[in-house]
PDB file of N, CA and C in Angstrom:
ATOM      1  N   MET A   1       3.064 -11.097   0.144  1.00  0.00           N
ATOM      2  CA  MET A   1       2.090 -10.720  -0.860  1.00  0.00           C
ATOM      3  C   MET A   1       2.851 -10.290  -2.110  1.00  0.00           C
ATOM      4  N   SER A   2       2.389 -10.755  -3.234  1.00  0.00           N
ATOM      5  CA  SER A   2       3.125 -10.437  -4.451  1.00  0.00           C
ATOM      6  C   SER A   2       2.573  -9.218  -5.180  1.00  0.00           C
ATOM      7  N   LYS A   3       1.254  -8.950  -5.039  1.00  0.00           N
ATOM      8  CA  LYS A   3       0.682  -7.850  -5.811  1.00  0.00           C
ATOM      9  C   LYS A   3      -0.438  -7.160  -5.034  1.00  0.00           C
ATOM     10  N   ILE A   4      -0.468  -5.825  -5.148  1.00  0.00           N
ATOM     11  CA  ILE A   4      -1.574  -5.025  -4.632  1.00  0.00           C
ATOM     12  C   ILE A   4      -2.153  -4.263  -5.815  1.00  0.00           C
ATOM     13  N   ILE A   5      -3.461  -4.326  -5.944  1.00  0.00           N
ATOM     14  CA  ILE A   5      -4.162  -3.589  -6.995  1.00  0.00           C
ATOM     15  C   ILE A   5      -4.990  -2.506  -6.313  1.00  0.00           C
ATOM     16  N   VAL A   6      -4.772  -1.273  -6.697  1.00  0.00           N
ATOM     17  CA  VAL A   6      -5.558  -0.146  -6.202  1.00  0.00           C
ATOM     18  C   VAL A   6      -6.367   0.356  -7.383  1.00  0.00           C
ATOM     19  N   LYS A   7      -7.692   0.367  -7.233  1.00  0.00           N
ATOM     20  CA  LYS A   7      -8.516   0.707  -8.384  1.00  0.00           C
ATOM     21  C   LYS A   7      -9.828   1.355  -7.980  1.00  0.00           C
ATOM     22  N   THR A   8     -10.504   1.870  -8.972  1.00  0.00           N
ATOM     23  CA  THR A   8     -11.866   2.351  -8.782  1.00  0.00           C
ATOM     24  C   THR A   8     -12.798   1.230  -9.205  1.00  0.00           C
ATOM     25  N   ALA A   9     -13.898   1.085  -8.485  1.00  0.00           N
ATOM     26  CA  ALA A   9     -14.872   0.041  -8.815  1.00  0.00           C
ATOM     27  C   ALA A   9     -16.203   0.383  -8.160  1.00  0.00           C
ATOM     28  N   THR A  10     -17.245  -0.117  -8.747  1.00  0.00           N
ATOM     29  CA  THR A  10     -18.579   0.098  -8.176  1.00  0.00           C
ATOM     30  C   THR A  10     -18.813  -0.907  -7.044  1.00  0.00           C
ATOM     31  N   GLU A  11     -19.839  -0.648  -6.279  1.00  0.00           N
ATOM     32  CA  GLU A  11     -20.215  -1.565  -5.207  1.00  0.00           C
ATOM     33  C   GLU A  11     -20.578  -2.937  -5.785  1.00  0.00           C
ATOM     34  N   GLN A  12     -21.264  -2.926  -6.925  1.00  0.00           N
ATOM     35  CA  GLN A  12     -21.645  -4.184  -7.570  1.00  0.00           C
ATOM     36  C   GLN A  12     -20.408  -4.986  -7.978  1.00  0.00           C
ATOM     37  N   ALA A  13     -19.394  -4.317  -8.508  1.00  0.00           N
ATOM     38  CA  ALA A  13     -18.161  -4.992  -8.902  1.00  0.00           C
ATOM     39  C   ALA A  13     -17.448  -5.577  -7.680  1.00  0.00           C
ATOM     40  N   PHE A  14     -17.496  -4.868  -6.559  1.00  0.00           N
ATOM     41  CA  PHE A  14     -16.891  -5.351  -5.318  1.00  0.00           C
ATOM     42  C   PHE A  14     -17.529  -6.676  -4.901  1.00  0.00           C
ATOM     43  N   PHE A  15     -18.868  -6.709  -4.870  1.00  0.00           N
ATOM     44  CA  PHE A  15     -19.554  -7.926  -4.446  1.00  0.00           C
ATOM     45  C   PHE A  15     -19.412  -9.055  -5.474  1.00  0.00           C
ATOM     46  N   LYS A  16     -19.349  -8.716  -6.754  1.00  0.00           N
ATOM     47  CA  LYS A  16     -19.149  -9.735  -7.787  1.00  0.00           C
ATOM     48  C   LYS A  16     -17.782 -10.388  -7.603  1.00  0.00           C
ATOM     49  N   ARG A  17     -16.772  -9.585  -7.330  1.00  0.00           N
ATOM     50  CA  ARG A  17     -15.428 -10.127  -7.101  1.00  0.00           C
ATOM     51  C   ARG A  17     -15.445 -11.057  -5.893  1.00  0.00           C
ATOM     52  N   GLY A  18     -16.153 -10.677  -4.841  1.00  0.00           N
ATOM     53  CA  GLY A  18     -16.258 -11.528  -3.655  1.00  0.00           C
ATOM     54  C   GLY A  18     -16.924 -12.861  -3.962  1.00  0.00           C
ATOM     55  N   ARG A  19     -18.008 -12.820  -4.746  1.00  0.00           N
ATOM     56  CA  ARG A  19     -18.684 -14.067  -5.133  1.00  0.00           C
ATOM     57  C   ARG A  19     -17.768 -14.949  -5.979  1.00  0.00           C
ATOM     58  N   ASP A  20     -17.031 -14.340  -6.908  1.00  0.00           N
ATOM     59  CA  ASP A  20     -16.114 -15.102  -7.755  1.00  0.00           C
ATOM     60  C   ASP A  20     -15.019 -15.778  -6.919  1.00  0.00           C
ATOM     61  N   LEU A  21     -14.485 -15.040  -5.947  1.00  0.00           N
ATOM     62  CA  LEU A  21     -13.463 -15.613  -5.067  1.00  0.00           C
ATOM     63  C   LEU A  21     -14.040 -16.768  -4.248  1.00  0.00           C
ATOM     64  N   ALA A  22     -15.269 -16.600  -3.746  1.00  0.00           N
ATOM     65  CA  ALA A  22     -15.905 -17.660  -2.957  1.00  0.00           C
ATOM     66  C   ALA A  22     -16.125 -18.908  -3.806  1.00  0.00           C
ATOM     67  N   ARG A  23     -16.531 -18.721  -5.044  1.00  0.00           N
ATOM     68  CA  ARG A  23     -16.731 -19.873  -5.944  1.00  0.00           C
ATOM     69  C   ARG A  23     -15.413 -20.620  -6.170  1.00  0.00           C
ATOM     70  N   LYS A  24     -14.347 -19.866  -6.414  1.00  0.00           N
ATOM     71  CA  LYS A  24     -13.036 -20.495  -6.614  1.00  0.00           C
ATOM     72  C   LYS A  24     -12.604 -21.262  -5.365  1.00  0.00           C
ATOM     73  N   ALA A  25     -12.789 -20.640  -4.203  1.00  0.00           N
ATOM     74  CA  ALA A  25     -12.407 -21.291  -2.946  1.00  0.00           C
ATOM     75  C   ALA A  25     -13.235 -22.557  -2.725  1.00  0.00           C
ATOM     76  N   ASP A  26     -14.538 -22.489  -2.984  1.00  0.00           N
ATOM     77  CA  ASP A  26     -15.404 -23.660  -2.825  1.00  0.00           C
ATOM     78  C   ASP A  26     -15.002 -24.791  -3.768  1.00  0.00           C
ATOM     79  N   ALA A  27     -14.535 -24.435  -4.962  1.00  0.00           N
ATOM     80  CA  ALA A  27     -14.136 -25.438  -5.947  1.00  0.00           C
ATOM     81  C   ALA A  27     -12.715 -25.952  -5.695  1.00  0.00           C
ATOM     82  N   GLY A  28     -12.035 -25.379  -4.709  1.00  0.00           N
ATOM     83  CA  GLY A  28     -10.680 -25.811  -4.398  1.00  0.00           C
ATOM     84  C   GLY A  28      -9.640 -25.289  -5.369  1.00  0.00           C
ATOM     85  N   LEU A  29     -10.006 -24.268  -6.125  1.00  0.00           N
ATOM     86  CA  LEU A  29      -9.069 -23.680  -7.084  1.00  0.00           C
ATOM     87  C   LEU A  29      -8.117 -22.725  -6.361  1.00  0.00           C
ATOM     88  N   PRO A  30      -6.910 -22.565  -6.880  1.00  0.00           N
ATOM     89  CA  PRO A  30      -5.971 -21.636  -6.230  1.00  0.00           C
ATOM     90  C   PRO A  30      -6.440 -20.188  -6.400  1.00  0.00           C
ATOM     91  N   LEU A  31      -6.233 -19.406  -5.356  1.00  0.00           N
ATOM     92  CA  LEU A  31      -6.580 -17.988  -5.389  1.00  0.00           C
ATOM     93  C   LEU A  31      -5.318 -17.181  -5.656  1.00  0.00           C
ATOM     94  N   ALA A  32      -5.471 -16.128  -6.425  1.00  0.00           N
ATOM     95  CA  ALA A  32      -4.330 -15.263  -6.740  1.00  0.00           C
ATOM     96  C   ALA A  32      -3.795 -14.637  -5.458  1.00  0.00           C
ATOM     97  N   GLU A  33      -2.489 -14.543  -5.369  1.00  0.00           N
ATOM     98  CA  GLU A  33      -1.868 -13.920  -4.209  1.00  0.00           C
ATOM     99  C   GLU A  33      -1.811 -12.416  -4.448  1.00  0.00           C
ATOM    100  N   GLU A  34      -2.954 -11.778  -4.198  1.00  0.00           N
ATOM    101  CA  GLU A  34      -3.053 -10.344  -4.422  1.00  0.00           C
ATOM    102  C   GLU A  34      -4.048  -9.740  -3.448  1.00  0.00           C
ATOM    103  N   LYS A  35      -3.885  -8.465  -3.250  1.00  0.00           N
ATOM    104  CA  LYS A  35      -4.794  -7.701  -2.399  1.00  0.00           C
ATOM    105  C   LYS A  35      -5.387  -6.619  -3.284  1.00  0.00           C
ATOM    106  N   VAL A  36      -6.702  -6.435  -3.213  1.00  0.00           N
ATOM    107  CA  VAL A  36      -7.367  -5.416  -4.019  1.00  0.00           C
ATOM    108  C   VAL A  36      -7.948  -4.367  -3.080  1.00  0.00           C
ATOM    109  N   ILE A  37      -7.603  -3.124  -3.338  1.00  0.00           N
ATOM    110  CA  ILE A  37      -8.149  -1.986  -2.606  1.00  0.00           C
ATOM    111  C   ILE A  37      -8.942  -1.190  -3.622  1.00  0.00           C
ATOM    112  N   SER A  38     -10.255  -1.070  -3.399  1.00  0.00           N
ATOM    113  CA  SER A  38     -11.072  -0.376  -4.401  1.00  0.00           C
ATOM    114  C   SER A  38     -11.776   0.828  -3.798  1.00  0.00           C
ATOM    115  N   PHE A  39     -11.967   1.811  -4.636  1.00  0.00           N
ATOM    116  CA  PHE A  39     -12.631   3.061  -4.277  1.00  0.00           C
ATOM    117  C   PHE A  39     -13.772   3.296  -5.256  1.00  0.00           C
ATOM    118  N   GLU A  40     -14.923   3.684  -4.746  1.00  0.00           N
ATOM    119  CA  GLU A  40     -16.034   4.009  -5.648  1.00  0.00           C
ATOM    120  C   GLU A  40     -15.781   5.328  -6.364  1.00  0.00           C
ATOM    121  N   ASP A  41     -15.206   6.270  -5.648  1.00  0.00           N
ATOM    122  CA  ASP A  41     -14.975   7.603  -6.195  1.00  0.00           C
ATOM    123  C   ASP A  41     -13.490   7.784  -6.526  1.00  0.00           C
ATOM    124  N   PRO A  42     -13.154   8.088  -7.781  1.00  0.00           N
ATOM    125  CA  PRO A  42     -11.737   8.300  -8.131  1.00  0.00           C
ATOM    126  C   PRO A  42     -11.078   9.386  -7.280  1.00  0.00           C
ATOM    127  N   ALA A  43     -11.845  10.351  -6.814  1.00  0.00           N
ATOM    128  CA  ALA A  43     -11.279  11.414  -5.972  1.00  0.00           C
ATOM    129  C   ALA A  43     -10.734  10.847  -4.660  1.00  0.00           C
ATOM    130  N   ASP A  44     -11.383   9.811  -4.122  1.00  0.00           N
ATOM    131  CA  ASP A  44     -10.889   9.176  -2.896  1.00  0.00           C
ATOM    132  C   ASP A  44      -9.562   8.475  -3.148  1.00  0.00           C
ATOM    133  N   LEU A  45      -9.446   7.837  -4.302  1.00  0.00           N
ATOM    134  CA  LEU A  45      -8.186   7.191  -4.670  1.00  0.00           C
ATOM    135  C   LEU A  45      -7.082   8.241  -4.784  1.00  0.00           C
ATOM    136  N   LEU A  46      -7.393   9.353  -5.431  1.00  0.00           N
ATOM    137  CA  LEU A  46      -6.396  10.416  -5.610  1.00  0.00           C
ATOM    138  C   LEU A  46      -6.030  11.091  -4.292  1.00  0.00           C
ATOM    139  N   SER A  47      -6.956  11.140  -3.338  1.00  0.00           N
ATOM    140  CA  SER A  47      -6.613  11.740  -2.046  1.00  0.00           C
ATOM    141  C   SER A  47      -5.663  10.834  -1.255  1.00  0.00           C
ATOM    142  N   LEU A  48      -5.728   9.537  -1.493  1.00  0.00           N
ATOM    143  CA  LEU A  48      -4.781   8.621  -0.851  1.00  0.00           C
ATOM    144  C   LEU A  48      -3.431   8.665  -1.552  1.00  0.00           C
ATOM    145  N   LEU A  49      -3.446   8.576  -2.865  1.00  0.00           N
ATOM    146  CA  LEU A  49      -2.200   8.466  -3.625  1.00  0.00           C
ATOM    147  C   LEU A  49      -1.790   9.814  -4.209  1.00  0.00           C
ATOM    148  N   THR A  50      -1.380  10.700  -3.336  1.00  0.00           N
ATOM    149  CA  THR A  50      -0.878  11.999  -3.778  1.00  0.00           C
ATOM    150  C   THR A  50       0.518  11.817  -4.375  1.00  0.00           C
ATOM    151  N   THR A  51       1.008  12.826  -5.024  1.00  0.00           N
ATOM    152  CA  THR A  51       2.352  12.773  -5.601  1.00  0.00           C
ATOM    153  C   THR A  51       3.393  12.519  -4.514  1.00  0.00           C
ATOM    154  N   ALA A  52       3.255  13.193  -3.384  1.00  0.00           N
ATOM    155  CA  ALA A  52       4.217  13.023  -2.289  1.00  0.00           C
ATOM    156  C   ALA A  52       4.182  11.597  -1.746  1.00  0.00           C
ATOM    157  N   ARG A  53       2.988  11.024  -1.607  1.00  0.00           N
ATOM    158  CA  ARG A  53       2.884   9.653  -1.089  1.00  0.00           C
ATOM    159  C   ARG A  53       3.422   8.630  -2.089  1.00  0.00           C
ATOM    160  N   LEU A  54       3.218   8.881  -3.359  1.00  0.00           N
ATOM    161  CA  LEU A  54       3.811   7.989  -4.361  1.00  0.00           C
ATOM    162  C   LEU A  54       5.333   8.060  -4.314  1.00  0.00           C
ATOM    163  N   ASP A  55       5.875   9.253  -4.068  1.00  0.00           N
ATOM    164  CA  ASP A  55       7.327   9.386  -3.917  1.00  0.00           C
ATOM    165  C   ASP A  55       7.820   8.578  -2.711  1.00  0.00           C
ATOM    166  N   VAL A  56       7.064   8.634  -1.606  1.00  0.00           N
ATOM    167  CA  VAL A  56       7.418   7.856  -0.411  1.00  0.00           C
ATOM    168  C   VAL A  56       7.361   6.365  -0.742  1.00  0.00           C
ATOM    169  N   TYR A  57       6.288   5.944  -1.411  1.00  0.00           N
ATOM    170  CA  TYR A  57       6.156   4.525  -1.768  1.00  0.00           C
ATOM    171  C   TYR A  57       7.329   4.068  -2.646  1.00  0.00           C
ATOM    172  N   ARG A  58       7.672   4.868  -3.641  1.00  0.00           N
ATOM    173  CA  ARG A  58       8.793   4.516  -4.533  1.00  0.00           C
ATOM    174  C   ARG A  58      10.111   4.420  -3.754  1.00  0.00           C
ATOM    175  N   ALA A  59      10.326   5.351  -2.841  1.00  0.00           N
ATOM    176  CA  ALA A  59      11.557   5.345  -2.048  1.00  0.00           C
ATOM    177  C   ALA A  59      11.637   4.093  -1.181  1.00  0.00           C
ATOM    178  N   VAL A  60      10.520   3.726  -0.575  1.00  0.00           N
ATOM    179  CA  VAL A  60      10.484   2.546   0.285  1.00  0.00           C
ATOM    180  C   VAL A  60      10.648   1.275  -0.558  1.00  0.00           C
ATOM    181  N   LYS A  61      10.071   1.270  -1.731  1.00  0.00           N
ATOM    182  CA  LYS A  61      10.204   0.104  -2.608  1.00  0.00           C
ATOM    183  C   LYS A  61      11.658  -0.051  -3.064  1.00  0.00           C
ATOM    184  N   GLU A  62      12.302   1.068  -3.344  1.00  0.00           N
ATOM    185  CA  GLU A  62      13.707   1.040  -3.759  1.00  0.00           C
ATOM    186  C   GLU A  62      14.604   0.536  -2.630  1.00  0.00           C
ATOM    187  N   ARG A  63      14.348   1.038  -1.408  1.00  0.00           N
ATOM    188  CA  ARG A  63      15.168   0.642  -0.263  1.00  0.00           C
ATOM    189  C   ARG A  63      14.373   0.834   1.029  1.00  0.00           C
ATOM    190  N   PRO A  64      13.883  -0.257   1.607  1.00  0.00           N
ATOM    191  CA  PRO A  64      13.181  -0.146   2.891  1.00  0.00           C
ATOM    192  C   PRO A  64      14.127   0.397   3.961  1.00  0.00           C
ATOM    193  N   GLU A  65      13.614   1.333   4.750  1.00  0.00           N
ATOM    194  CA  GLU A  65      14.420   1.884   5.841  1.00  0.00           C
ATOM    195  C   GLU A  65      13.533   2.660   6.801  1.00  0.00           C
ATOM    196  N   SER A  66      14.144   3.362   7.723  1.00  0.00           N
ATOM    197  CA  SER A  66      13.393   4.122   8.718  1.00  0.00           C
ATOM    198  C   SER A  66      12.709   5.335   8.081  1.00  0.00           C
ATOM    199  N   ILE A  67      11.737   5.863   8.789  1.00  0.00           N
ATOM    200  CA  ILE A  67      11.042   7.064   8.315  1.00  0.00           C
ATOM    201  C   ILE A  67      12.037   8.215   8.201  1.00  0.00           C
ATOM    202  N   THR A  68      12.950   8.303   9.137  1.00  0.00           N
ATOM    203  CA  THR A  68      13.967   9.353   9.104  1.00  0.00           C
ATOM    204  C   THR A  68      14.840   9.209   7.859  1.00  0.00           C
ATOM    205  N   GLY A  69      15.210   7.974   7.529  1.00  0.00           N
ATOM    206  CA  GLY A  69      16.018   7.737   6.342  1.00  0.00           C
ATOM    207  C   GLY A  69      15.283   8.082   5.058  1.00  0.00           C
ATOM    208  N   VAL A  70      14.003   7.724   5.001  1.00  0.00           N
ATOM    209  CA  VAL A  70      13.203   8.046   3.819  1.00  0.00           C
ATOM    210  C   VAL A  70      13.086   9.562   3.677  1.00  0.00           C
ATOM    211  N   ALA A  71      12.833  10.244   4.796  1.00  0.00           N
ATOM    212  CA  ALA A  71      12.704  11.701   4.769  1.00  0.00           C
ATOM    213  C   ALA A  71      14.000  12.355   4.291  1.00  0.00           C
ATOM    214  N   ALA A  72      15.123  11.845   4.742  1.00  0.00           N
ATOM    215  CA  ALA A  72      16.416  12.406   4.327  1.00  0.00           C
ATOM    216  C   ALA A  72      16.638  12.201   2.833  1.00  0.00           C
ATOM    217  N   ARG A  73      16.325  11.002   2.333  1.00  0.00           N
ATOM    218  CA  ARG A  73      16.509  10.740   0.897  1.00  0.00           C
ATOM    219  C   ARG A  73      15.618  11.616   0.038  1.00  0.00           C
ATOM    220  N   LEU A  74      14.393  11.868   0.523  1.00  0.00           N
ATOM    221  CA  LEU A  74      13.450  12.687  -0.252  1.00  0.00           C
ATOM    222  C   LEU A  74      13.610  14.182   0.010  1.00  0.00           C
ATOM    223  N   ARG A  75      14.481  14.522   0.978  1.00  0.00           N
ATOM    224  CA  ARG A  75      14.688  15.921   1.384  1.00  0.00           C
ATOM    225  C   ARG A  75      13.365  16.569   1.797  1.00  0.00           C
ATOM    226  N   ARG A  76      12.634  15.837   2.662  1.00  0.00           N
ATOM    227  CA  ARG A  76      11.349  16.322   3.178  1.00  0.00           C
ATOM    228  C   ARG A  76      11.384  16.285   4.691  1.00  0.00           C
ATOM    229  N   ASP A  77      10.504  17.034   5.303  1.00  0.00           N
ATOM    230  CA  ASP A  77      10.369  17.052   6.753  1.00  0.00           C
ATOM    231  C   ASP A  77       9.937  15.679   7.248  1.00  0.00           C
ATOM    232  N   ARG A  78      10.570  15.197   8.321  1.00  0.00           N
ATOM    233  CA  ARG A  78      10.275  13.872   8.849  1.00  0.00           C
ATOM    234  C   ARG A  78       8.805  13.725   9.249  1.00  0.00           C
ATOM    235  N   SER A  79       8.226  14.740   9.866  1.00  0.00           N
ATOM    236  CA  SER A  79       6.830  14.626  10.318  1.00  0.00           C
ATOM    237  C   SER A  79       5.865  14.515   9.137  1.00  0.00           C
ATOM    238  N   ALA A  80       6.173  15.181   8.038  1.00  0.00           N
ATOM    239  CA  ALA A  80       5.325  15.078   6.841  1.00  0.00           C
ATOM    240  C   ALA A  80       5.432  13.682   6.235  1.00  0.00           C
ATOM    241  N   VAL A  81       6.644  13.134   6.197  1.00  0.00           N
ATOM    242  CA  VAL A  81       6.836  11.776   5.681  1.00  0.00           C
ATOM    243  C   VAL A  81       6.140  10.773   6.600  1.00  0.00           C
ATOM    244  N   LYS A  82       6.198  11.004   7.909  1.00  0.00           N
ATOM    245  CA  LYS A  82       5.514  10.122   8.873  1.00  0.00           C
ATOM    246  C   LYS A  82       4.015  10.096   8.607  1.00  0.00           C
ATOM    247  N   ARG A  83       3.413  11.253   8.360  1.00  0.00           N
ATOM    248  CA  ARG A  83       1.971  11.304   8.046  1.00  0.00           C
ATOM    249  C   ARG A  83       1.669  10.523   6.767  1.00  0.00           C
ATOM    250  N   ASP A  84       2.530  10.673   5.767  1.00  0.00           N
ATOM    251  CA  ASP A  84       2.329   9.950   4.510  1.00  0.00           C
ATOM    252  C   ASP A  84       2.492   8.441   4.712  1.00  0.00           C
ATOM    253  N   VAL A  85       3.502   8.041   5.469  1.00  0.00           N
ATOM    254  CA  VAL A  85       3.714   6.619   5.745  1.00  0.00           C
ATOM    255  C   VAL A  85       2.517   6.047   6.506  1.00  0.00           C
ATOM    256  N   ASP A  86       2.013   6.790   7.486  1.00  0.00           N
ATOM    257  CA  ASP A  86       0.846   6.319   8.252  1.00  0.00           C
ATOM    258  C   ASP A  86      -0.369   6.128   7.348  1.00  0.00           C
ATOM    259  N   ALA A  87      -0.597   7.051   6.418  1.00  0.00           N
ATOM    260  CA  ALA A  87      -1.733   6.928   5.491  1.00  0.00           C
ATOM    261  C   ALA A  87      -1.549   5.718   4.574  1.00  0.00           C
ATOM    262  N   LEU A  88      -0.350   5.518   4.067  1.00  0.00           N
ATOM    263  CA  LEU A  88      -0.082   4.364   3.211  1.00  0.00           C
ATOM    264  C   LEU A  88      -0.205   3.051   3.989  1.00  0.00           C
ATOM    265  N   ALA A  89       0.198   3.070   5.253  1.00  0.00           N
ATOM    266  CA  ALA A  89       0.082   1.870   6.089  1.00  0.00           C
ATOM    267  C   ALA A  89      -1.387   1.551   6.400  1.00  0.00           C
ATOM    268  N   ARG A  90      -2.186   2.574   6.688  1.00  0.00           N
ATOM    269  CA  ARG A  90      -3.623   2.344   6.939  1.00  0.00           C
ATOM    270  C   ARG A  90      -4.301   1.731   5.711  1.00  0.00           C
ATOM    271  N   ALA A  91      -3.862   2.110   4.536  1.00  0.00           N
ATOM    272  CA  ALA A  91      -4.431   1.576   3.296  1.00  0.00           C
ATOM    273  C   ALA A  91      -3.867   0.195   2.964  1.00  0.00           C
ATOM    274  N   GLY A  92      -2.799  -0.215   3.641  1.00  0.00           N
ATOM    275  CA  GLY A  92      -2.215  -1.526   3.394  1.00  0.00           C
ATOM    276  C   GLY A  92      -1.167  -1.557   2.300  1.00  0.00           C
ATOM    277  N   LEU A  93      -0.660  -0.391   1.919  1.00  0.00           N
ATOM    278  CA  LEU A  93       0.334  -0.334   0.852  1.00  0.00           C
ATOM    279  C   LEU A  93       1.770  -0.490   1.360  1.00  0.00           C
ATOM    280  N   VAL A  94       2.007  -0.104   2.599  1.00  0.00           N
ATOM    281  CA  VAL A  94       3.321  -0.302   3.216  1.00  0.00           C
ATOM    282  C   VAL A  94       3.122  -0.954   4.581  1.00  0.00           C
ATOM    283  N   GLU A  95       4.185  -1.551   5.065  1.00  0.00           N
ATOM    284  CA  GLU A  95       4.188  -2.154   6.394  1.00  0.00           C
ATOM    285  C   GLU A  95       5.270  -1.483   7.224  1.00  0.00           C
ATOM    286  N   ILE A  96       4.987  -1.336   8.503  1.00  0.00           N
ATOM    287  CA  ILE A  96       5.946  -0.739   9.429  1.00  0.00           C
ATOM    288  C   ILE A  96       6.302  -1.806  10.449  1.00  0.00           C
ATOM    289  N   GLU A  97       7.589  -2.110  10.538  1.00  0.00           N
ATOM    290  CA  GLU A  97       8.041  -3.140  11.466  1.00  0.00           C
ATOM    291  C   GLU A  97       9.000  -2.540  12.479  1.00  0.00           C
ATOM    292  N   GLN A  98       8.762  -2.822  13.741  1.00  0.00           N
ATOM    293  CA  GLN A  98       9.644  -2.377  14.819  1.00  0.00           C
ATOM    294  C   GLN A  98      10.868  -3.292  14.832  1.00  0.00           C
ATOM    295  N   LYS A  99      12.062  -2.741  14.699  1.00  0.00           N
ATOM    296  CA  LYS A  99      13.287  -3.537  14.697  1.00  0.00           C
ATOM    297  C   LYS A  99      14.185  -3.107  15.847  1.00  0.00           C
ATOM    298  N   THR A 100      14.833  -4.092  16.458  1.00  0.00           N
ATOM    299  CA  THR A 100      15.789  -3.813  17.520  1.00  0.00           C
ATOM    300  C   THR A 100      17.149  -3.575  16.883  1.00  0.00           C
ATOM    301  N   LEU A 101      17.773  -2.491  17.262  1.00  0.00           N
ATOM    302  CA  LEU A 101      19.088  -2.154  16.724  1.00  0.00           C
ATOM    303  C   LEU A 101      20.171  -2.860  17.532  1.00  0.00           C
ATOM    304  N   PRO A 102      21.275  -3.243  16.891  1.00  0.00           N
ATOM    305  CA  PRO A 102      22.374  -3.868  17.632  1.00  0.00           C
ATOM    306  C   PRO A 102      22.888  -2.910  18.703  1.00  0.00           C
ATOM    307  N   GLY A 103      23.100  -3.417  19.873  1.00  0.00           N
ATOM    308  CA  GLY A 103      23.578  -2.565  20.965  1.00  0.00           C
ATOM    309  C   GLY A 103      22.428  -2.063  21.801  1.00  0.00           C
ATOM    310  N   HIS A 104      21.687  -1.114  21.261  1.00  0.00           N
ATOM    311  CA  HIS A 104      20.533  -0.597  21.995  1.00  0.00           C
ATOM    312  C   HIS A 104      19.616   0.164  21.044  1.00  0.00           C
ATOM    313  N   GLY A 105      18.428   0.396  21.477  1.00  0.00           N
ATOM    314  CA  GLY A 105      17.488   1.195  20.710  1.00  0.00           C
ATOM    315  C   GLY A 105      16.662   0.378  19.732  1.00  0.00           C
ATOM    316  N   ARG A 106      15.658   1.055  19.212  1.00  0.00           N
ATOM    317  CA  ARG A 106      14.781   0.436  18.224  1.00  0.00           C
ATOM    318  C   ARG A 106      14.479   1.444  17.128  1.00  0.00           C
ATOM    319  N   MET A 107      14.049   0.922  15.996  1.00  0.00           N
ATOM    320  CA  MET A 107      13.638   1.785  14.900  1.00  0.00           C
ATOM    321  C   MET A 107      12.457   1.148  14.190  1.00  0.00           C
ATOM    322  N   LYS A 108      11.717   1.971  13.492  1.00  0.00           N
ATOM    323  CA  LYS A 108      10.615   1.469  12.687  1.00  0.00           C
ATOM    324  C   LYS A 108      11.080   1.444  11.240  1.00  0.00           C
ATOM    325  N   GLU A 109      11.055   0.247  10.649  1.00  0.00           N
ATOM    326  CA  GLU A 109      11.446   0.109   9.247  1.00  0.00           C
ATOM    327  C   GLU A 109      10.178   0.074   8.393  1.00  0.00           C
ATOM    328  N   VAL A 110      10.186   0.845   7.331  1.00  0.00           N
ATOM    329  CA  VAL A 110       9.058   0.910   6.411  1.00  0.00           C
ATOM    330  C   VAL A 110       9.438   0.149   5.154  1.00  0.00           C
ATOM    331  N   ARG A 111       8.519  -0.722   4.714  1.00  0.00           N
ATOM    332  CA  ARG A 111       8.765  -1.481   3.485  1.00  0.00           C
ATOM    333  C   ARG A 111       7.452  -1.655   2.738  1.00  0.00           C
ATOM    334  N   PRO A 112       7.517  -1.921   1.439  1.00  0.00           N
ATOM    335  CA  PRO A 112       6.278  -2.112   0.672  1.00  0.00           C
ATOM    336  C   PRO A 112       5.575  -3.390   1.124  1.00  0.00           C
ATOM    337  N   ALA A 113       4.252  -3.387   1.076  1.00  0.00           N
ATOM    338  CA  ALA A 113       3.472  -4.552   1.482  1.00  0.00           C
ATOM    339  C   ALA A 113       3.452  -5.619   0.392  1.00  0.00           C
ATOM    340  N   ALA A 114       3.828  -5.260  -0.822  1.00  0.00           N
ATOM    341  CA  ALA A 114       3.849  -6.214  -1.933  1.00  0.00           C
ATOM    342  C   ALA A 114       4.956  -5.835  -2.907  1.00  0.00           C
ATOM    343  N   ALA A 115       5.345  -6.815  -3.700  1.00  0.00           N
ATOM    344  CA  ALA A 115       6.407  -6.573  -4.679  1.00  0.00           C
ATOM    345  C   ALA A 115       5.948  -5.677  -5.829  1.00  0.00           C
ATOM    346  N   HIS A 116       4.645  -5.728  -6.139  1.00  0.00           N
ATOM    347  CA  HIS A 116       4.112  -4.957  -7.266  1.00  0.00           C
ATOM    348  C   HIS A 116       2.874  -4.177  -6.831  1.00  0.00           C
ATOM    349  N   LEU A 117       2.762  -2.965  -7.322  1.00  0.00           N
ATOM    350  CA  LEU A 117       1.587  -2.125  -7.087  1.00  0.00           C
ATOM    351  C   LEU A 117       1.006  -1.761  -8.441  1.00  0.00           C
ATOM    352  N   ARG A 118      -0.246  -2.074  -8.635  1.00  0.00           N
ATOM    353  CA  ARG A 118      -0.913  -1.775  -9.906  1.00  0.00           C
ATOM    354  C   ARG A 118      -2.047  -0.795  -9.631  1.00  0.00           C
ATOM    355  N   LEU A 119      -2.059   0.318 -10.357  1.00  0.00           N
ATOM    356  CA  LEU A 119      -3.091   1.338 -10.210  1.00  0.00           C
ATOM    357  C   LEU A 119      -4.013   1.295 -11.419  1.00  0.00           C
ATOM    358  N   ILE A 120      -5.314   1.223 -11.151  1.00  0.00           N
ATOM    359  CA  ILE A 120      -6.317   1.225 -12.221  1.00  0.00           C
ATOM    360  C   ILE A 120      -7.371   2.254 -11.848  1.00  0.00           C
ATOM    361  N   ALA A 121      -7.519   3.278 -12.658  1.00  0.00           N
ATOM    362  CA  ALA A 121      -8.533   4.292 -12.394  1.00  0.00           C
ATOM    363  C   ALA A 121      -9.440   4.437 -13.599  1.00  0.00           C
ATOM    364  N   GLU A 122     -10.713   4.343 -13.337  1.00  0.00           N
ATOM    365  CA  GLU A 122     -11.699   4.484 -14.396  1.00  0.00           C
ATOM    366  C   GLU A 122     -12.759   5.466 -13.901  1.00  0.00           C
ATOM    367  N   VAL A 123     -12.968   6.523 -14.637  1.00  0.00           N
ATOM    368  CA  VAL A 123     -13.975   7.510 -14.267  1.00  0.00           C
ATOM    369  C   VAL A 123     -15.287   7.098 -14.908  1.00  0.00           C
ATOM    370  N   MET A 124     -16.271   6.884 -14.047  1.00  0.00           N
ATOM    371  CA  MET A 124     -17.573   6.408 -14.551  1.00  0.00           C
ATOM    372  C   MET A 124     -18.613   7.491 -14.512  1.00  0.00           C
TER     373      MET A 124
END
């Protein structure tokens, strides 16, 4: 995925976007390689994208690695970073992949779900 857009939008705008995408697909036109996550209430968007979670996202975008590694770089408690990573993963902003380590053991690597994240907030 190349782009994720996180924005505020009304229910009507959500359904209009769906109709527009369906029309493009029916016409055989190419669809943009993007994922849109929309919130009706800007407060819901802000509860997902806290300052701490944005720091986690930036760290993962800079260098994907384990939750422990991200926590060490940010100088934060691992369990707090894990909660933030889980929230970002539920929203589709990061991906967690189980990797086998050479020799033995496994780790979970966290990486951004897209190369670009665009935030759009409009208070209506």
